[in-house]
């Protein structure tokens, strides 16, 4: 919060974003966060000393902490919206806070250009922090905890490592690389005509593949040129690729790049093929209303779960909309900042289906399934089908629930909104799209959407287990 207010005061902005600072609202938000945080720390420290239990965190404790921690941090992220914007209610504030931390990018603000600079900066910073994982930053990068770090990272993100020292070092390098991408992206946008304030905000949210912006039209109008859109496309792709891929590249382990990161090549191939298909249909007269650069931009924006919009793709053909929805489901690479099911899971699923098909006519055949040059263990298949099954279940049930909560909404709009929230994508279709798509929803619906966002960000398991009675039994 302090960084957000400081940056908004220091970074120059054009006349469009020169709005006042509600310092009282920020002081209240900061005071509440500090008070609650200090109280939790003191109570936990005292009770921990009295209990005499070892400080090592077990798996189920880590799962509970991740799920509850993300909910608590989302409540903290909602405070500035509630106290600094008088017309924003609690449900609006909670929705925006969750959308920021989960990098979903859906918003309830209709007129962004009216918002104070500090609020716009806060929206961008929450996405930048949330993209790499809140607990990953505080536990691994900043704290001195050791035995609990690996457990927490495994529960929160798709990054894993059997060696704790290597995990901590890897996470620090990834955060430095992440910061470097952000700075380069922002400087490039500044050089291409954006104001420093616009450049900083879009640099934060492009690399985080979050999608929050500073303009009502996202990146469709001025000052976004073809060059700035191309620059944003580059950094959206960089953010969607597994960050260990870059560390391996920096070590010049070219053989490992070919063998251990096939997911990256699959992801680039999927985005490339989707762009090519839509460009061919566009040039053959399949749909109008978009320039070629906007077609590729929207494909990359959806494929990386960023959510920037440079044209209204609701006016595109059914094939084009279908391709975008498919990209929403797939997402990007594991170990990156994107949402969705992740390409690695799609690869495993396809190879499992292929192997099962072969065994129907050759039942005794042993065909090990490999990913990144390694045999996939049986436990990975259990996790794969758990995540895919939960995604399917929540997508279907979520659509039914949304139809009950908002009976006036179309089925297409409801399904796309649920998939968008579960995949942390941002844009939706039909009557749930546009500037007022999520803002027009009721209070209960906004909380429902926010819950789906947290579910998708934690890949379902770490949040759903909070409702398991077995988790809370004493042992």
Protein backbone atom coordinates (compact mmCIF):
# COMPACT_ATOMS: atom_id res chain seq x y z
CA UNK A 1 0.00 0.00 0.00
CA UNK A 2 2.85 2.37 0.82
CA UNK A 3 4.55 1.59 -2.49
CA UNK A 4 1.33 2.15 -4.39
CA UNK A 5 0.72 5.59 -2.85
CA UNK A 6 4.38 6.55 -3.30
CA UNK A 7 4.50 5.53 -6.97
CA UNK A 8 1.25 7.32 -7.73
CA UNK A 9 2.69 10.51 -6.24
CA UNK A 10 6.09 10.23 -7.95
CA UNK A 11 5.32 8.87 -11.44
CA UNK A 12 4.14 11.66 -13.81
CA UNK A 13 0.81 11.20 -15.56
CA UNK A 14 -1.02 13.06 -18.26
CA UNK A 15 -3.99 15.31 -17.64
CA UNK A 16 -6.27 12.31 -17.98
CA UNK A 17 -5.09 10.75 -14.72
CA UNK A 18 -4.35 13.80 -12.58
CA UNK A 19 -6.86 13.07 -9.80
CA UNK A 20 -6.61 13.60 -6.05
CA UNK A 21 -5.32 11.31 -3.32
CA UNK A 22 -7.62 10.20 -0.50
CA UNK A 23 -4.89 9.92 2.12
CA UNK A 24 -7.37 9.27 4.94
CA UNK A 25 -8.72 6.17 3.20
CA UNK A 26 -5.21 4.82 2.66
CA UNK A 27 -4.26 5.45 6.30
CA UNK A 28 -7.34 3.54 7.49
CA UNK A 29 -6.58 0.64 5.10
CA UNK A 30 -2.96 0.51 6.21
CA UNK A 31 -3.90 0.71 9.91
CA UNK A 32 -6.38 -2.16 9.65
CA UNK A 33 -3.92 -4.34 7.75
CA UNK A 34 -1.07 -3.65 10.20
CA UNK A 35 -3.28 -4.20 13.25
CA UNK A 36 -4.70 -7.51 12.03
CA UNK A 37 -1.28 -8.69 10.85
CA UNK A 38 0.42 -7.80 14.14
CA UNK A 39 -2.35 -9.43 16.17
CA UNK A 40 -2.13 -12.66 14.16
CA UNK A 41 1.64 -12.71 14.51
CA UNK A 42 1.58 -12.15 18.29
CA UNK A 43 -1.14 -14.73 18.92
CA UNK A 44 0.59 -17.28 16.69
CA UNK A 45 3.99 -16.66 18.27
CA UNK A 46 2.70 -16.94 21.86
CA UNK A 47 0.54 -20.00 21.26
CA UNK A 48 3.33 -21.62 19.26
CA UNK A 49 5.79 -21.19 22.14
CA UNK A 50 3.32 -22.55 24.68
CA UNK A 51 2.34 -25.58 22.64
CA UNK A 52 5.86 -26.99 22.48
CA UNK A 53 5.14 -28.48 19.05
CA UNK A 54 7.85 -28.55 16.37
CA UNK A 55 7.83 -25.56 14.02
CA UNK A 56 7.88 -27.71 10.88
CA UNK A 57 4.70 -27.29 8.85
CA UNK A 58 2.99 -30.42 7.69
CA UNK A 59 1.25 -30.84 4.36
CA UNK A 60 -2.30 -30.34 5.54
CA UNK A 61 -1.36 -27.27 7.59
CA UNK A 62 0.24 -25.76 4.50
CA UNK A 63 -2.87 -26.48 2.42
CA UNK A 64 -5.08 -24.84 5.04
CA UNK A 65 -2.76 -21.83 5.29
CA UNK A 66 -2.65 -21.30 1.53
CA UNK A 67 -6.43 -21.40 1.12
CA UNK A 68 -7.19 -19.24 4.15
CA UNK A 69 -4.22 -16.95 3.47
CA UNK A 70 -5.38 -16.09 -0.05
CA UNK A 71 -8.84 -15.29 1.25
CA UNK A 72 -7.41 -13.06 3.99
CA UNK A 73 -5.07 -11.27 1.58
CA UNK A 74 -7.99 -10.70 -0.79
CA UNK A 75 -9.89 -9.01 2.04
CA UNK A 76 -6.86 -6.78 2.68
CA UNK A 77 -6.60 -5.97 -1.03
CA UNK A 78 -10.25 -4.82 -0.97
CA UNK A 79 -9.72 -2.22 1.78
CA UNK A 80 -8.37 0.67 -0.38
CA UNK A 81 -11.29 0.38 -2.79
CA UNK A 82 -13.80 0.50 0.05
CA UNK A 83 -12.24 3.34 2.05
CA UNK A 84 -10.89 5.49 -0.81
CA UNK A 85 -13.88 5.31 -3.16
CA UNK A 86 -17.14 6.40 -1.47
CA UNK A 87 -19.44 4.78 -4.03
CA UNK A 88 -17.79 1.34 -3.80
CA UNK A 89 -19.58 -1.17 -1.55
CA UNK A 90 -17.96 -4.15 0.17
CA UNK A 91 -18.98 -6.65 -2.51
CA UNK A 92 -17.56 -4.39 -5.25
CA UNK A 93 -14.33 -3.93 -3.28
CA UNK A 94 -13.92 -7.64 -2.56
CA UNK A 95 -14.49 -8.54 -6.22
CA UNK A 96 -11.88 -6.04 -7.39
CA UNK A 97 -9.37 -7.12 -4.74
CA UNK A 98 -9.70 -10.80 -5.66
CA UNK A 99 -9.59 -10.02 -9.39
CA UNK A 100 -6.32 -8.18 -8.85
CA UNK A 101 -4.50 -10.74 -6.70
CA UNK A 102 -5.61 -13.68 -8.86
CA UNK A 103 -4.61 -11.73 -12.02
CA UNK A 104 -8.07 -12.35 -13.46
CA UNK A 105 -8.44 -8.78 -14.68
CA UNK A 106 -12.24 -8.52 -14.57
CA UNK A 107 -13.33 -5.20 -13.12
CA UNK A 108 -16.37 -3.53 -11.64
CA UNK A 109 -15.10 -0.03 -12.43
CA UNK A 110 -16.86 1.39 -15.47
CA UNK A 111 -14.97 4.69 -15.68
CA UNK A 112 -11.30 3.96 -15.01
CA UNK A 113 -10.16 7.40 -16.09
CA UNK A 114 -12.06 8.96 -13.19
CA UNK A 115 -10.24 6.89 -10.54
CA UNK A 116 -7.40 8.36 -8.44
CA UNK A 117 -3.89 7.49 -9.56
CA UNK A 118 -3.24 5.63 -6.29
CA UNK A 119 -6.19 3.27 -6.88
CA UNK A 120 -5.10 2.57 -10.46
CA UNK A 121 -1.58 1.85 -9.21
CA UNK A 122 -2.95 -0.39 -6.46
CA UNK A 123 -4.89 -2.42 -9.04
CA UNK A 124 -1.73 -2.97 -11.05
CA UNK A 125 0.49 -3.77 -8.06
CA UNK A 126 -1.91 -6.38 -6.70
CA UNK A 127 -1.74 -8.17 -10.03
CA UNK A 128 2.05 -7.95 -10.13
CA UNK A 129 2.41 -9.43 -6.64
CA UNK A 130 -0.35 -12.01 -7.02
CA UNK A 131 0.95 -13.37 -10.33
CA UNK A 132 4.03 -14.99 -8.77
CA UNK A 133 2.28 -15.96 -5.55
CA UNK A 134 1.78 -14.01 -2.34
CA UNK A 135 3.16 -16.71 -0.06
CA UNK A 136 6.00 -17.44 -2.48
CA UNK A 137 7.22 -13.88 -2.08
CA UNK A 138 6.90 -13.54 1.69
CA UNK A 139 7.90 -17.05 2.76
CA UNK A 140 10.64 -17.89 0.29
CA UNK A 141 12.04 -14.52 -0.74
CA UNK A 142 11.72 -12.40 2.40
CA UNK A 143 11.43 -14.64 5.45
CA UNK A 144 13.92 -16.89 7.20
CA UNK A 145 11.60 -19.89 7.34
CA UNK A 146 13.15 -23.03 5.94
CA UNK A 147 11.30 -26.23 6.75
CA UNK A 148 7.90 -24.83 5.73
CA UNK A 149 8.93 -23.10 2.50
CA UNK A 150 8.81 -26.07 0.16
CA UNK A 151 5.48 -27.24 1.53
CA UNK A 152 3.88 -23.83 1.05
CA UNK A 153 5.25 -23.32 -2.46
CA UNK A 154 4.04 -26.76 -3.49
CA UNK A 155 0.55 -25.95 -2.26
CA UNK A 156 0.36 -22.49 -3.85
CA UNK A 157 2.10 -22.78 -7.22
CA UNK A 158 3.16 -25.22 -9.91
CA UNK A 159 6.84 -24.65 -9.12
CA UNK A 160 8.42 -27.50 -7.19
CA UNK A 161 11.89 -28.67 -6.32
CA UNK A 162 13.07 -31.51 -4.13
CA UNK A 163 15.97 -29.50 -2.72
CA UNK A 164 14.93 -26.67 -0.40
CA UNK A 165 18.11 -24.59 -0.83
CA UNK A 166 17.75 -24.85 -4.59
CA UNK A 167 14.07 -23.87 -4.37
CA UNK A 168 14.82 -20.70 -2.39
CA UNK A 169 17.64 -19.71 -4.73
CA UNK A 170 15.50 -20.46 -7.79
CA UNK A 171 12.61 -18.37 -6.50
CA UNK A 172 14.90 -15.41 -5.81
CA UNK A 173 16.30 -15.60 -9.35
CA UNK A 174 12.81 -15.87 -10.81
CA UNK A 175 11.69 -12.76 -8.92
CA UNK A 176 14.72 -10.82 -10.17
CA UNK A 177 13.99 -11.95 -13.72
CA UNK A 178 10.33 -11.02 -13.25
CA UNK A 179 11.33 -7.55 -12.03
CA UNK A 180 13.71 -7.14 -14.96
CA UNK A 181 11.00 -8.02 -17.51
CA UNK A 182 8.67 -5.51 -15.86
CA UNK A 183 11.19 -2.66 -15.99
CA UNK A 184 12.12 -3.31 -19.63
CA UNK A 185 8.45 -3.56 -20.62
CA UNK A 186 7.60 -0.27 -18.90
CA UNK A 187 10.57 1.58 -20.39
CA UNK A 188 9.67 0.34 -23.86
CA UNK A 189 6.08 1.50 -23.55
CA UNK A 190 7.25 4.90 -22.32
CA UNK A 191 9.46 5.22 -25.37
CA UNK A 192 6.52 4.36 -27.62
CA UNK A 193 4.38 7.29 -26.56
CA UNK A 194 2.67 6.24 -23.32
CA UNK A 195 2.92 8.52 -20.30
CA UNK A 196 5.22 7.29 -17.51
CA UNK A 197 2.15 6.45 -15.40
CA UNK A 198 0.54 4.43 -18.19
CA UNK A 199 3.85 2.69 -18.93
CA UNK A 200 4.40 1.66 -15.30
CA UNK A 201 0.86 0.31 -14.91
CA UNK A 202 0.88 -1.66 -18.16
CA UNK A 203 4.42 -2.91 -17.50
CA UNK A 204 3.23 -4.33 -14.18
CA UNK A 205 0.14 -6.02 -15.60
CA UNK A 206 1.52 -7.23 -18.96
CA UNK A 207 4.34 -9.33 -17.47
CA UNK A 208 1.95 -10.50 -14.73
CA UNK A 209 -0.51 -11.47 -17.51
CA UNK A 210 -3.15 -9.68 -15.46
CA UNK A 211 -4.84 -7.25 -17.83
CA UNK A 212 -5.71 -4.31 -15.58
CA UNK A 213 -5.19 -1.03 -17.42
CA UNK A 214 -5.70 2.68 -16.98
CA UNK A 215 -8.03 3.45 -19.90
CA UNK A 216 -11.73 2.71 -20.35
CA UNK A 217 -11.05 1.19 -23.77
CA UNK A 218 -8.26 -1.10 -22.47
CA UNK A 219 -5.67 -0.90 -25.29
CA UNK A 220 -8.08 -0.24 -28.17
CA UNK A 221 -7.62 3.50 -28.50
CA UNK A 222 -5.00 6.15 -27.98
CA UNK A 223 -2.13 6.16 -27.14
CA UNK A 224 -1.69 2.50 -28.09
CA UNK A 225 -0.11 2.14 -31.52
CA UNK A 226 0.76 -0.99 -33.47
CA UNK A 227 4.28 -0.81 -32.03
CA UNK A 228 3.09 -0.64 -28.41
CA UNK A 229 0.63 -3.50 -28.98
CA UNK A 230 3.43 -5.61 -30.47
CA UNK A 231 5.62 -4.77 -27.47
CA UNK A 232 2.83 -5.84 -25.11
CA UNK A 233 2.38 -9.09 -27.06
CA UNK A 234 6.06 -9.90 -26.56
CA UNK A 235 5.91 -9.48 -22.80
CA UNK A 236 2.60 -11.30 -22.46
CA UNK A 237 4.27 -14.26 -24.15
CA UNK A 238 7.34 -13.93 -21.90
CA UNK A 239 5.13 -13.93 -18.81
CA UNK A 240 3.22 -17.01 -20.01
CA UNK A 241 6.35 -19.14 -20.53
CA UNK A 242 7.72 -21.17 -17.63
CA UNK A 243 10.26 -19.03 -15.78
CA UNK A 244 12.64 -21.97 -15.13
CA UNK A 245 12.95 -22.08 -18.93
CA UNK A 246 14.74 -18.71 -18.82
CA UNK A 247 17.02 -19.82 -15.99
CA UNK A 248 18.03 -22.86 -18.02
CA UNK A 249 18.60 -20.65 -21.06
CA UNK A 250 20.83 -18.34 -19.01
CA UNK A 251 22.92 -21.36 -18.00
CA UNK A 252 23.21 -22.27 -21.71
CA UNK A 253 21.97 -25.78 -21.17
CA UNK A 254 20.63 -26.08 -24.69
CA UNK A 255 19.97 -29.83 -24.48
CA UNK A 256 17.78 -29.31 -21.41
CA UNK A 257 15.84 -26.62 -23.28
CA UNK A 258 14.90 -29.14 -25.96
CA UNK A 259 14.15 -32.07 -23.67
CA UNK A 260 12.75 -30.63 -20.44
CA UNK A 261 10.54 -27.81 -21.68
CA UNK A 262 8.42 -29.26 -24.46
CA UNK A 263 5.43 -27.54 -22.85
CA UNK A 264 6.87 -24.20 -23.99
CA UNK A 265 6.98 -25.29 -27.63
CA UNK A 266 3.46 -26.71 -27.40
CA UNK A 267 2.21 -23.43 -25.97
CA UNK A 268 3.87 -21.34 -28.69
CA UNK A 269 2.49 -23.74 -31.29
CA UNK A 270 -1.06 -23.51 -29.93
CA UNK A 271 -1.02 -19.70 -29.90
CA UNK A 272 0.60 -19.60 -33.36
CA UNK A 273 -1.91 -22.02 -34.92
CA UNK A 274 -4.87 -20.20 -33.33
CA UNK A 275 -3.61 -16.87 -34.71
CA UNK A 276 -3.05 -18.37 -38.16
CA UNK A 277 -6.53 -19.94 -38.30
CA UNK A 278 -8.25 -16.68 -37.37
CA UNK A 279 -6.12 -14.65 -39.77
CA UNK A 280 -6.98 -17.02 -42.64
CA UNK A 281 -10.68 -16.78 -41.81
CA UNK A 282 -10.45 -13.00 -41.55
CA UNK A 283 -8.75 -12.55 -44.92
CA UNK A 284 -11.18 -14.98 -46.57
CA UNK A 285 -14.10 -12.80 -45.47
CA UNK A 286 -15.13 -14.85 -42.44
CA UNK A 287 -15.47 -11.84 -40.15
CA UNK A 288 -14.70 -8.14 -40.12
CA UNK A 289 -14.33 -5.52 -37.42
CA UNK A 290 -10.68 -6.13 -36.55
CA UNK A 291 -7.27 -5.40 -37.98
CA UNK A 292 -4.79 -8.29 -38.33
CA UNK A 293 -2.66 -6.92 -35.47
CA UNK A 294 -5.76 -6.83 -33.25
CA UNK A 295 -6.64 -10.42 -34.11
CA UNK A 296 -3.19 -11.65 -33.10
CA UNK A 297 -3.19 -9.36 -30.06
CA UNK A 298 -6.50 -10.71 -28.75
CA UNK A 299 -5.44 -14.31 -29.36
CA UNK A 300 -2.23 -13.78 -27.38
CA UNK A 301 -4.07 -11.81 -24.69
CA UNK A 302 -6.60 -14.62 -24.17
CA UNK A 303 -4.05 -17.41 -24.67
CA UNK A 304 -1.86 -15.93 -21.94
CA UNK A 305 -4.88 -15.19 -19.69
CA UNK A 306 -3.95 -11.50 -19.69
CA UNK A 307 -7.28 -10.07 -20.73
CA UNK A 308 -6.32 -6.88 -22.54
CA UNK A 309 -8.83 -6.11 -25.30
CA UNK A 310 -7.98 -4.22 -28.49
CA UNK A 311 -11.25 -4.89 -30.34
CA UNK A 312 -14.72 -6.28 -29.65
CA UNK A 313 -14.34 -9.99 -30.38
CA UNK A 314 -18.04 -10.55 -29.61
CA UNK A 315 -18.55 -9.42 -33.21
CA UNK A 316 -16.21 -12.08 -34.56
CA UNK A 317 -17.35 -15.35 -36.14
CA UNK A 318 -18.47 -18.37 -34.12
CA UNK A 319 -15.25 -20.16 -35.03
CA UNK A 320 -13.17 -17.25 -33.74
CA UNK A 321 -15.11 -17.05 -30.47
CA UNK A 322 -14.84 -20.83 -30.07
CA UNK A 323 -11.07 -20.67 -30.51
CA UNK A 324 -10.83 -17.93 -27.86
CA UNK A 325 -12.93 -19.96 -25.38
CA UNK A 326 -10.68 -22.98 -26.02
CA UNK A 327 -7.62 -20.83 -25.28
CA UNK A 328 -9.30 -19.69 -22.05
CA UNK A 329 -9.55 -23.30 -20.91
CA UNK A 330 -6.02 -24.34 -21.92
CA UNK A 331 -4.04 -21.39 -20.50
CA UNK A 332 -0.25 -21.20 -20.61
CA UNK A 333 2.76 -22.97 -19.12
CA UNK A 334 3.16 -24.22 -15.57
CA UNK A 335 5.68 -22.22 -13.55
CA UNK A 336 4.51 -18.99 -15.21
CA UNK A 337 2.05 -16.23 -14.31
CA UNK A 338 -0.89 -17.50 -16.39
CA UNK A 339 -4.16 -19.21 -15.48
CA UNK A 340 -6.11 -21.99 -17.16
CA UNK A 341 -5.54 -25.72 -16.93
CA UNK A 342 -1.92 -25.34 -18.15
CA UNK A 343 -0.49 -26.83 -21.34
CA UNK A 344 1.47 -29.54 -19.48
CA UNK A 345 -1.79 -31.05 -18.23
CA UNK A 346 -3.26 -30.99 -21.72
CA UNK A 347 -0.17 -32.81 -23.04
CA UNK A 348 -0.43 -35.46 -20.32
CA UNK A 349 -4.15 -35.87 -20.91
CA UNK A 350 -3.71 -36.31 -24.68
CA UNK A 351 -0.92 -38.87 -24.22
CA UNK A 352 -2.94 -40.75 -21.61
CA UNK A 353 -5.87 -40.99 -24.04
CA UNK A 354 -3.53 -42.19 -26.78
CA UNK A 355 -2.04 -44.85 -24.51
CA UNK A 356 -5.49 -45.99 -23.38
CA UNK A 357 -6.62 -46.28 -27.00
CA UNK A 358 -3.61 -48.47 -27.82
CA UNK A 359 -4.32 -50.75 -24.86
CA UNK A 360 -7.82 -51.47 -26.15
CA UNK A 361 -6.38 -53.65 -28.91
CA UNK A 362 -3.00 -54.47 -27.29
CA UNK A 363 -3.90 -55.01 -23.62
CA UNK A 364 -0.48 -56.35 -22.61
CA UNK A 365 1.46 -53.48 -24.14
CA UNK A 366 3.51 -51.39 -21.72
CA UNK A 367 3.69 -47.82 -22.99
CA UNK A 368 5.18 -45.39 -20.46
CA UNK A 369 3.84 -41.86 -20.77
CA UNK A 370 6.54 -39.21 -20.83
CA UNK A 371 6.54 -35.47 -20.34
CA UNK A 372 9.63 -33.32 -20.78
CA UNK A 373 11.70 -36.42 -21.43
CA UNK A 374 10.73 -38.11 -18.14
CA UNK A 375 8.30 -40.86 -17.30
CA UNK A 376 5.16 -39.48 -15.64
CA UNK A 377 4.56 -41.03 -12.22
CA UNK A 378 1.17 -42.50 -11.28
CA UNK A 379 0.59 -39.79 -8.66
CA UNK A 380 0.76 -37.13 -11.39
CA UNK A 381 -2.15 -38.76 -13.21
CA UNK A 382 -4.25 -38.67 -10.04
CA UNK A 383 -3.53 -34.95 -9.69
CA UNK A 384 -4.22 -34.41 -13.40
CA UNK A 385 -7.68 -35.94 -13.31
CA UNK A 386 -8.46 -34.32 -9.98
CA UNK A 387 -7.82 -30.85 -11.41
CA UNK A 388 -9.55 -31.51 -14.75
CA UNK A 389 -12.56 -33.07 -13.01
CA UNK A 390 -12.84 -30.14 -10.60
CA UNK A 391 -12.59 -27.66 -13.48
CA UNK A 392 -15.38 -29.44 -15.35
CA UNK A 393 -17.52 -29.75 -12.23
CA UNK A 394 -17.21 -26.10 -11.21
CA UNK A 395 -17.65 -24.89 -14.79
CA UNK A 396 -20.96 -26.77 -15.15
CA UNK A 397 -22.28 -26.21 -11.64
CA UNK A 398 -21.06 -22.62 -11.64
CA UNK A 399 -23.04 -21.91 -14.80
CA UNK A 400 -26.19 -23.40 -13.24
CA UNK A 401 -25.70 -21.34 -10.07
CA UNK A 402 -25.09 -18.18 -12.09
CA UNK A 403 -28.28 -18.78 -14.07
CA UNK A 404 -30.18 -19.01 -10.77
CA UNK A 405 -28.54 -15.86 -9.39
CA UNK A 406 -28.81 -13.88 -12.63
CA UNK A 407 -31.75 -15.36 -14.62
CA UNK A 408 -31.67 -12.46 -17.09
CA UNK A 409 -28.19 -13.41 -18.29
CA UNK A 410 -27.80 -15.56 -21.39
CA UNK A 411 -26.37 -19.07 -21.17
CA UNK A 412 -23.44 -18.05 -23.41
CA UNK A 413 -22.63 -15.10 -21.17
CA UNK A 414 -22.94 -17.15 -17.98
CA UNK A 415 -20.74 -20.00 -19.21
CA UNK A 416 -18.06 -17.65 -20.54
CA UNK A 417 -18.06 -15.65 -17.28
CA UNK A 418 -17.61 -18.79 -15.17
CA UNK A 419 -14.81 -20.10 -17.41
CA UNK A 420 -13.19 -16.66 -17.37
CA UNK A 421 -13.19 -16.59 -13.55
CA UNK A 422 -11.99 -20.18 -13.15
CA UNK A 423 -9.24 -19.63 -15.71
CA UNK A 424 -8.36 -16.16 -14.32
CA UNK A 425 -8.85 -14.71 -17.81
CA UNK A 426 -10.85 -11.49 -17.39
CA UNK A 427 -13.00 -10.95 -20.50
CA UNK A 428 -16.33 -12.70 -20.99
CA UNK A 429 -18.79 -12.91 -23.87
CA UNK A 430 -22.30 -11.75 -24.73
CA UNK A 431 -24.08 -9.82 -21.95
CA UNK A 432 -21.29 -10.57 -19.46
CA UNK A 433 -18.73 -8.87 -21.69
CA UNK A 434 -18.05 -5.20 -22.17
CA UNK A 435 -17.32 -2.52 -19.62
CA UNK A 436 -20.38 -3.20 -17.45
CA UNK A 437 -20.44 -7.00 -17.70
CA UNK A 438 -19.40 -7.80 -14.13
CA UNK A 439 -20.40 -4.44 -12.63
CA UNK A 440 -24.08 -5.09 -13.31
CA UNK A 441 -24.09 -8.36 -11.32
CA UNK A 442 -25.68 -8.50 -7.87
CA UNK A 443 -23.74 -8.55 -4.59
CA UNK A 444 -24.10 -12.33 -4.11
CA UNK A 445 -23.01 -12.92 -7.71
CA UNK A 446 -19.88 -10.80 -7.23
CA UNK A 447 -18.86 -12.83 -4.17
CA UNK A 448 -19.59 -16.00 -6.17
CA UNK A 449 -17.36 -14.78 -9.01
CA UNK A 450 -14.60 -13.90 -6.52
CA UNK A 451 -14.76 -17.41 -5.04
CA UNK A 452 -14.39 -18.92 -8.51
CA UNK A 453 -11.32 -16.73 -9.12
CA UNK A 454 -9.62 -17.97 -5.94
CA UNK A 455 -10.56 -21.54 -6.83
CA UNK A 456 -8.93 -21.20 -10.24
CA UNK A 457 -5.83 -19.40 -8.94
CA UNK A 458 -5.13 -22.11 -6.35
CA UNK A 459 -6.05 -24.82 -8.89
CA UNK A 460 -9.03 -25.87 -6.81
CA UNK A 461 -7.38 -28.27 -4.36
CA UNK A 462 -5.87 -25.84 -1.83
CA UNK A 463 -9.20 -24.03 -1.49
CA UNK A 464 -11.63 -26.96 -1.62
CA UNK A 465 -9.77 -28.85 1.13
CA UNK A 466 -10.76 -26.08 3.57
CA UNK A 467 -14.26 -27.59 3.50
CA UNK A 468 -13.07 -31.14 4.24
CA UNK A 469 -13.83 -32.32 7.77
CA UNK A 470 -10.82 -34.62 7.63
CA UNK A 471 -8.51 -31.62 7.30
CA UNK A 472 -9.53 -30.20 10.67
CA UNK A 473 -9.43 -33.40 12.74
CA UNK A 474 -6.87 -33.45 15.51
CA UNK A 475 -3.94 -35.85 15.23
